[in-house]
Amino acid sequence: PMNAHDRDFTGSDLAKLHYGDGDFAVLKPGRYVVCAVTGKKIPLEQLRYWNAALQEAYAGPGEALQRWREING
């Protein structure tokens, strides 16, 4: 049987967002999104970095910069 701790690892807590220039809209409610660079879970309340053009979220400024460098060479 699943306990409350196991619930953290289910896909049902994954949110779907639409990233805008200064904010994001929640398309499917959830507790976290996944960093496009590291695959790390980012709790929505800690989400500060994303790319509106790519519709990607990043765990922090380092990941955002890494992706920018990959795209812009």
PDB file of N, CA and C in Angstrom:
ATOM      1  N   PRO A   1       0.829  -1.215   0.000  1.00  0.00           N
ATOM      2  CA  PRO A   1       0.000   0.000   0.000  1.00  0.00           C
ATOM      3  C   PRO A   1       0.863   1.264   0.000  1.00  0.00           C
ATOM      4  N   MET A   2       0.347   2.284  -0.624  1.00  0.00           N
ATOM      5  CA  MET A   2       1.093   3.536  -0.677  1.00  0.00           C
ATOM      6  C   MET A   2       0.891   4.331   0.604  1.00  0.00           C
ATOM      7  N   ASN A   3       1.944   4.928   1.092  1.00  0.00           N
ATOM      8  CA  ASN A   3       1.790   5.849   2.207  1.00  0.00           C
ATOM      9  C   ASN A   3       1.946   7.278   1.706  1.00  0.00           C
ATOM     10  N   ALA A   4       1.792   8.233   2.579  1.00  0.00           N
ATOM     11  CA  ALA A   4       1.822   9.641   2.169  1.00  0.00           C
ATOM     12  C   ALA A   4       3.166  10.009   1.537  1.00  0.00           C
ATOM     13  N   HIS A   5       4.233   9.367   1.993  1.00  0.00           N
ATOM     14  CA  HIS A   5       5.559   9.696   1.464  1.00  0.00           C
ATOM     15  C   HIS A   5       5.697   9.262  -0.001  1.00  0.00           C
ATOM     16  N   ASP A   6       5.135   8.111  -0.341  1.00  0.00           N
ATOM     17  CA  ASP A   6       5.225   7.610  -1.713  1.00  0.00           C
ATOM     18  C   ASP A   6       4.531   8.546  -2.696  1.00  0.00           C
ATOM     19  N   ARG A   7       3.552   9.254  -2.208  1.00  0.00           N
ATOM     20  CA  ARG A   7       2.768  10.130  -3.071  1.00  0.00           C
ATOM     21  C   ARG A   7       3.647  11.188  -3.743  1.00  0.00           C
ATOM     22  N   ASP A   8       4.766  11.547  -3.125  1.00  0.00           N
ATOM     23  CA  ASP A   8       5.666  12.542  -3.695  1.00  0.00           C
ATOM     24  C   ASP A   8       6.230  12.107  -5.044  1.00  0.00           C
ATOM     25  N   PHE A   9       6.183  10.820  -5.318  1.00  0.00           N
ATOM     26  CA  PHE A   9       6.824  10.308  -6.518  1.00  0.00           C
ATOM     27  C   PHE A   9       5.817   9.904  -7.601  1.00  0.00           C
ATOM     28  N   THR A  10       4.581  10.351  -7.451  1.00  0.00           N
ATOM     29  CA  THR A  10       3.593  10.040  -8.475  1.00  0.00           C
ATOM     30  C   THR A  10       3.498  11.189  -9.468  1.00  0.00           C
ATOM     31  N   GLY A  11       3.104  10.885 -10.689  1.00  0.00           N
ATOM     32  CA  GLY A  11       2.988  11.912 -11.709  1.00  0.00           C
ATOM     33  C   GLY A  11       1.830  12.872 -11.484  1.00  0.00           C
ATOM     34  N   SER A  12       0.930  12.517 -10.583  1.00  0.00           N
ATOM     35  CA  SER A  12      -0.256  13.346 -10.395  1.00  0.00           C
ATOM     36  C   SER A  12       0.058  14.692  -9.771  1.00  0.00           C
ATOM     37  N   ASP A  13       1.230  14.817  -9.140  1.00  0.00           N
ATOM     38  CA  ASP A  13       1.607  16.083  -8.528  1.00  0.00           C
ATOM     39  C   ASP A  13       2.322  17.005  -9.515  1.00  0.00           C
ATOM     40  N   LEU A  14       2.555  16.518 -10.732  1.00  0.00           N
ATOM     41  CA  LEU A  14       3.244  17.308 -11.743  1.00  0.00           C
ATOM     42  C   LEU A  14       2.284  18.339 -12.337  1.00  0.00           C
ATOM     43  N   ALA A  15       2.646  19.597 -12.219  1.00  0.00           N
ATOM     44  CA  ALA A  15       1.820  20.678 -12.759  1.00  0.00           C
ATOM     45  C   ALA A  15       2.149  20.903 -14.231  1.00  0.00           C
ATOM     46  N   LYS A  16       1.186  21.429 -14.962  1.00  0.00           N
ATOM     47  CA  LYS A  16       1.425  21.859 -16.346  1.00  0.00           C
ATOM     48  C   LYS A  16       1.212  23.362 -16.373  1.00  0.00           C
ATOM     49  N   LEU A  17       2.227  24.087 -16.814  1.00  0.00           N
ATOM     50  CA  LEU A  17       2.170  25.541 -16.801  1.00  0.00           C
ATOM     51  C   LEU A  17       2.330  26.113 -18.198  1.00  0.00           C
ATOM     52  N   HIS A  18       1.829  27.329 -18.380  1.00  0.00           N
ATOM     53  CA  HIS A  18       2.159  28.109 -19.568  1.00  0.00           C
ATOM     54  C   HIS A  18       3.011  29.265 -19.093  1.00  0.00           C
ATOM     55  N   TYR A  19       4.244  29.324 -19.604  1.00  0.00           N
ATOM     56  CA  TYR A  19       5.193  30.331 -19.152  1.00  0.00           C
ATOM     57  C   TYR A  19       5.076  31.602 -19.981  1.00  0.00           C
ATOM     58  N   GLY A  20       4.876  32.718 -19.295  1.00  0.00           N
ATOM     59  CA  GLY A  20       4.830  34.021 -19.947  1.00  0.00           C
ATOM     60  C   GLY A  20       6.110  34.784 -19.680  1.00  0.00           C
ATOM     61  N   ASP A  21       6.151  36.042 -20.097  1.00  0.00           N
ATOM     62  CA  ASP A  21       7.363  36.835 -19.932  1.00  0.00           C
ATOM     63  C   ASP A  21       7.663  37.156 -18.472  1.00  0.00           C
ATOM     64  N   GLY A  22       6.650  37.412 -17.683  1.00  0.00           N
ATOM     65  CA  GLY A  22       6.908  37.780 -16.299  1.00  0.00           C
ATOM     66  C   GLY A  22       6.229  36.884 -15.294  1.00  0.00           C
ATOM     67  N   ASP A  23       5.391  35.976 -15.782  1.00  0.00           N
ATOM     68  CA  ASP A  23       4.662  35.104 -14.876  1.00  0.00           C
ATOM     69  C   ASP A  23       4.272  33.839 -15.618  1.00  0.00           C
ATOM     70  N   PHE A  24       3.593  32.957 -14.927  1.00  0.00           N
ATOM     71  CA  PHE A  24       3.128  31.727 -15.573  1.00  0.00           C
ATOM     72  C   PHE A  24       1.678  31.477 -15.200  1.00  0.00           C
ATOM     73  N   ALA A  25       0.996  30.762 -16.072  1.00  0.00           N
ATOM     74  CA  ALA A  25      -0.396  30.381 -15.833  1.00  0.00           C
ATOM     75  C   ALA A  25      -0.440  28.876 -15.600  1.00  0.00           C
ATOM     76  N   VAL A  26      -1.245  28.451 -14.642  1.00  0.00           N
ATOM     77  CA  VAL A  26      -1.375  27.028 -14.337  1.00  0.00           C
ATOM     78  C   VAL A  26      -2.433  26.415 -15.246  1.00  0.00           C
ATOM     79  N   LEU A  27      -2.014  25.485 -16.089  1.00  0.00           N
ATOM     80  CA  LEU A  27      -2.936  24.785 -16.987  1.00  0.00           C
ATOM     81  C   LEU A  27      -3.481  23.526 -16.318  1.00  0.00           C
ATOM     82  N   LYS A  28      -2.629  22.865 -15.558  1.00  0.00           N
ATOM     83  CA  LYS A  28      -3.023  21.678 -14.793  1.00  0.00           C
ATOM     84  C   LYS A  28      -2.402  21.811 -13.407  1.00  0.00           C
ATOM     85  N   PRO A  29      -3.216  21.904 -12.375  1.00  0.00           N
ATOM     86  CA  PRO A  29      -2.685  22.101 -11.026  1.00  0.00           C
ATOM     87  C   PRO A  29      -1.774  20.961 -10.593  1.00  0.00           C
ATOM     88  N   GLY A  30      -0.775  21.303  -9.821  1.00  0.00           N
ATOM     89  CA  GLY A  30       0.158  20.325  -9.286  1.00  0.00           C
ATOM     90  C   GLY A  30       1.075  21.000  -8.296  1.00  0.00           C
ATOM     91  N   ARG A  31       2.013  20.239  -7.777  1.00  0.00           N
ATOM     92  CA  ARG A  31       2.919  20.777  -6.756  1.00  0.00           C
ATOM     93  C   ARG A  31       4.269  21.173  -7.306  1.00  0.00           C
ATOM     94  N   TYR A  32       4.630  20.628  -8.462  1.00  0.00           N
ATOM     95  CA  TYR A  32       5.963  20.922  -8.991  1.00  0.00           C
ATOM     96  C   TYR A  32       5.985  20.834 -10.511  1.00  0.00           C
ATOM     97  N   VAL A  33       7.062  21.369 -11.096  1.00  0.00           N
ATOM     98  CA  VAL A  33       7.393  21.162 -12.501  1.00  0.00           C
ATOM     99  C   VAL A  33       8.807  20.579 -12.521  1.00  0.00           C
ATOM    100  N   VAL A  34       9.266  20.168 -13.685  1.00  0.00           N
ATOM    101  CA  VAL A  34      10.571  19.525 -13.795  1.00  0.00           C
ATOM    102  C   VAL A  34      11.534  20.448 -14.539  1.00  0.00           C
ATOM    103  N   CYS A  35      12.749  20.590 -13.989  1.00  0.00           N
ATOM    104  CA  CYS A  35      13.776  21.408 -14.632  1.00  0.00           C
ATOM    105  C   CYS A  35      14.143  20.797 -15.984  1.00  0.00           C
ATOM    106  N   ALA A  36      14.124  21.624 -17.041  1.00  0.00           N
ATOM    107  CA  ALA A  36      14.414  21.142 -18.388  1.00  0.00           C
ATOM    108  C   ALA A  36      15.881  20.744 -18.556  1.00  0.00           C
ATOM    109  N   VAL A  37      16.759  21.242 -17.700  1.00  0.00           N
ATOM    110  CA  VAL A  37      18.192  20.955 -17.811  1.00  0.00           C
ATOM    111  C   VAL A  37      18.593  19.758 -16.956  1.00  0.00           C
ATOM    112  N   THR A  38      18.143  19.736 -15.695  1.00  0.00           N
ATOM    113  CA  THR A  38      18.608  18.709 -14.757  1.00  0.00           C
ATOM    114  C   THR A  38      17.603  17.592 -14.510  1.00  0.00           C
ATOM    115  N   GLY A  39      16.328  17.830 -14.829  1.00  0.00           N
ATOM    116  CA  GLY A  39      15.297  16.855 -14.529  1.00  0.00           C
ATOM    117  C   GLY A  39      14.844  16.902 -13.077  1.00  0.00           C
ATOM    118  N   LYS A  40      15.383  17.854 -12.310  1.00  0.00           N
ATOM    119  CA  LYS A  40      15.051  17.996 -10.898  1.00  0.00           C
ATOM    120  C   LYS A  40      13.648  18.577 -10.725  1.00  0.00           C
ATOM    121  N   LYS A  41      12.956  18.110  -9.684  1.00  0.00           N
ATOM    122  CA  LYS A  41      11.628  18.654  -9.382  1.00  0.00           C
ATOM    123  C   LYS A  41      11.766  20.046  -8.775  1.00  0.00           C
ATOM    124  N   ILE A  42      10.935  20.974  -9.240  1.00  0.00           N
ATOM    125  CA  ILE A  42      10.925  22.340  -8.720  1.00  0.00           C
ATOM    126  C   ILE A  42       9.548  22.611  -8.130  1.00  0.00           C
ATOM    127  N   PRO A  43       9.447  22.745  -6.808  1.00  0.00           N
ATOM    128  CA  PRO A  43       8.146  23.111  -6.222  1.00  0.00           C
ATOM    129  C   PRO A  43       7.676  24.444  -6.803  1.00  0.00           C
ATOM    130  N   LEU A  44       6.389  24.559  -7.108  1.00  0.00           N
ATOM    131  CA  LEU A  44       5.894  25.779  -7.752  1.00  0.00           C
ATOM    132  C   LEU A  44       6.227  27.029  -6.965  1.00  0.00           C
ATOM    133  N   GLU A  45       6.197  26.941  -5.630  1.00  0.00           N
ATOM    134  CA  GLU A  45       6.468  28.132  -4.832  1.00  0.00           C
ATOM    135  C   GLU A  45       7.935  28.561  -4.925  1.00  0.00           C
ATOM    136  N   GLN A  46       8.795  27.692  -5.467  1.00  0.00           N
ATOM    137  CA  GLN A  46      10.213  28.033  -5.621  1.00  0.00           C
ATOM    138  C   GLN A  46      10.582  28.333  -7.067  1.00  0.00           C
ATOM    139  N   LEU A  47       9.615  28.235  -7.973  1.00  0.00           N
ATOM    140  CA  LEU A  47       9.893  28.453  -9.389  1.00  0.00           C
ATOM    141  C   LEU A  47      10.137  29.926  -9.679  1.00  0.00           C
ATOM    142  N   ARG A  48      11.344  30.258 -10.125  1.00  0.00           N
ATOM    143  CA  ARG A  48      11.703  31.640 -10.432  1.00  0.00           C
ATOM    144  C   ARG A  48      12.265  31.813 -11.838  1.00  0.00           C
ATOM    145  N   TYR A  49      12.689  30.708 -12.454  1.00  0.00           N
ATOM    146  CA  TYR A  49      13.385  30.795 -13.736  1.00  0.00           C
ATOM    147  C   TYR A  49      12.708  29.920 -14.773  1.00  0.00           C
ATOM    148  N   TRP A  50      12.416  30.519 -15.925  1.00  0.00           N
ATOM    149  CA  TRP A  50      11.852  29.766 -17.040  1.00  0.00           C
ATOM    150  C   TRP A  50      12.096  30.521 -18.325  1.00  0.00           C
ATOM    151  N   ASN A  51      11.825  29.858 -19.438  1.00  0.00           N
ATOM    152  CA  ASN A  51      11.980  30.462 -20.751  1.00  0.00           C
ATOM    153  C   ASN A  51      10.621  30.409 -21.437  1.00  0.00           C
ATOM    154  N   ALA A  52      10.041  31.583 -21.678  1.00  0.00           N
ATOM    155  CA  ALA A  52       8.711  31.640 -22.282  1.00  0.00           C
ATOM    156  C   ALA A  52       8.721  31.127 -23.714  1.00  0.00           C
ATOM    157  N   ALA A  53       9.773  31.417 -24.454  1.00  0.00           N
ATOM    158  CA  ALA A  53       9.852  30.988 -25.856  1.00  0.00           C
ATOM    159  C   ALA A  53       9.925  29.468 -25.964  1.00  0.00           C
ATOM    160  N   LEU A  54      10.693  28.854 -25.074  1.00  0.00           N
ATOM    161  CA  LEU A  54      10.857  27.399 -25.106  1.00  0.00           C
ATOM    162  C   LEU A  54       9.835  26.666 -24.257  1.00  0.00           C
ATOM    163  N   GLN A  55       9.106  27.419 -23.391  1.00  0.00           N
ATOM    164  CA  GLN A  55       8.162  26.807 -22.452  1.00  0.00           C
ATOM    165  C   GLN A  55       8.875  25.768 -21.596  1.00  0.00           C
ATOM    166  N   GLU A  56       9.998  26.199 -21.004  1.00  0.00           N
ATOM    167  CA  GLU A  56      10.789  25.330 -20.133  1.00  0.00           C
ATOM    168  C   GLU A  56      10.998  26.002 -18.782  1.00  0.00           C
ATOM    169  N   ALA A  57      11.066  25.181 -17.742  1.00  0.00           N
ATOM    170  CA  ALA A  57      11.356  25.665 -16.394  1.00  0.00           C
ATOM    171  C   ALA A  57      12.767  25.263 -16.015  1.00  0.00           C
ATOM    172  N   TYR A  58      13.388  26.071 -15.146  1.00  0.00           N
ATOM    173  CA  TYR A  58      14.750  25.797 -14.687  1.00  0.00           C
ATOM    174  C   TYR A  58      14.818  25.876 -13.170  1.00  0.00           C
ATOM    175  N   ALA A  59      15.641  25.015 -12.575  1.00  0.00           N
ATOM    176  CA  ALA A  59      15.759  24.951 -11.124  1.00  0.00           C
ATOM    177  C   ALA A  59      16.387  26.216 -10.548  1.00  0.00           C
ATOM    178  N   GLY A  60      17.228  26.886 -11.331  1.00  0.00           N
ATOM    179  CA  GLY A  60      17.880  28.088 -10.824  1.00  0.00           C
ATOM    180  C   GLY A  60      18.570  28.841 -11.934  1.00  0.00           C
ATOM    181  N   PRO A  61      19.292  29.909 -11.581  1.00  0.00           N
ATOM    182  CA  PRO A  61      19.944  30.748 -12.595  1.00  0.00           C
ATOM    183  C   PRO A  61      21.039  30.014 -13.354  1.00  0.00           C
ATOM    184  N   GLY A  62      21.721  29.075 -12.693  1.00  0.00           N
ATOM    185  CA  GLY A  62      22.769  28.319 -13.374  1.00  0.00           C
ATOM    186  C   GLY A  62      22.215  27.465 -14.505  1.00  0.00           C
ATOM    187  N   GLU A  63      21.088  26.822 -14.229  1.00  0.00           N
ATOM    188  CA  GLU A  63      20.452  25.978 -15.254  1.00  0.00           C
ATOM    189  C   GLU A  63      19.909  26.831 -16.399  1.00  0.00           C
ATOM    190  N   ALA A  64      19.332  27.974 -16.046  1.00  0.00           N
ATOM    191  CA  ALA A  64      18.814  28.876 -17.077  1.00  0.00           C
ATOM    192  C   ALA A  64      19.948  29.358 -17.978  1.00  0.00           C
ATOM    193  N   LEU A  65      21.079  29.706 -17.374  1.00  0.00           N
ATOM    194  CA  LEU A  65      22.237  30.176 -18.137  1.00  0.00           C
ATOM    195  C   LEU A  65      22.808  29.064 -19.004  1.00  0.00           C
ATOM    196  N   GLN A  66      22.849  27.844 -18.437  1.00  0.00           N
ATOM    197  CA  GLN A  66      23.358  26.708 -19.206  1.00  0.00           C
ATOM    198  C   GLN A  66      22.522  26.505 -20.467  1.00  0.00           C
ATOM    199  N   ARG A  67      21.198  26.545 -20.331  1.00  0.00           N
ATOM    200  CA  ARG A  67      20.327  26.360 -21.490  1.00  0.00           C
ATOM    201  C   ARG A  67      20.506  27.502 -22.499  1.00  0.00           C
ATOM    202  N   TRP A  68      20.635  28.738 -21.977  1.00  0.00           N
ATOM    203  CA  TRP A  68      20.848  29.893 -22.863  1.00  0.00           C
ATOM    204  C   TRP A  68      22.105  29.709 -23.700  1.00  0.00           C
ATOM    205  N   ARG A  69      23.158  29.207 -23.049  1.00  0.00           N
ATOM    206  CA  ARG A  69      24.414  28.980 -23.759  1.00  0.00           C
ATOM    207  C   ARG A  69      24.272  27.883 -24.806  1.00  0.00           C
ATOM    208  N   GLU A  70      23.510  26.826 -24.475  1.00  0.00           N
ATOM    209  CA  GLU A  70      23.291  25.739 -25.446  1.00  0.00           C
ATOM    210  C   GLU A  70      22.576  26.268 -26.677  1.00  0.00           C
ATOM    211  N   ILE A  71      21.615  27.164 -26.478  1.00  0.00           N
ATOM    212  CA  ILE A  71      20.812  27.683 -27.580  1.00  0.00           C
ATOM    213  C   ILE A  71      21.576  28.740 -28.382  1.00  0.00           C
ATOM    214  N   ASN A  72      22.291  29.607 -27.660  1.00  0.00           N
ATOM    215  CA  ASN A  72      22.918  30.753 -28.305  1.00  0.00           C
ATOM    216  C   ASN A  72      24.399  30.569 -28.622  1.00  0.00           C
ATOM    217  N   GLY A  73      24.908  29.418 -28.249  1.00  0.00           N
ATOM    218  CA  GLY A  73      26.272  29.060 -28.583  1.00  0.00           C
ATOM    219  C   GLY A  73      27.322  30.007 -28.025  1.00  0.00           C
TER     220      GLY A  73
END
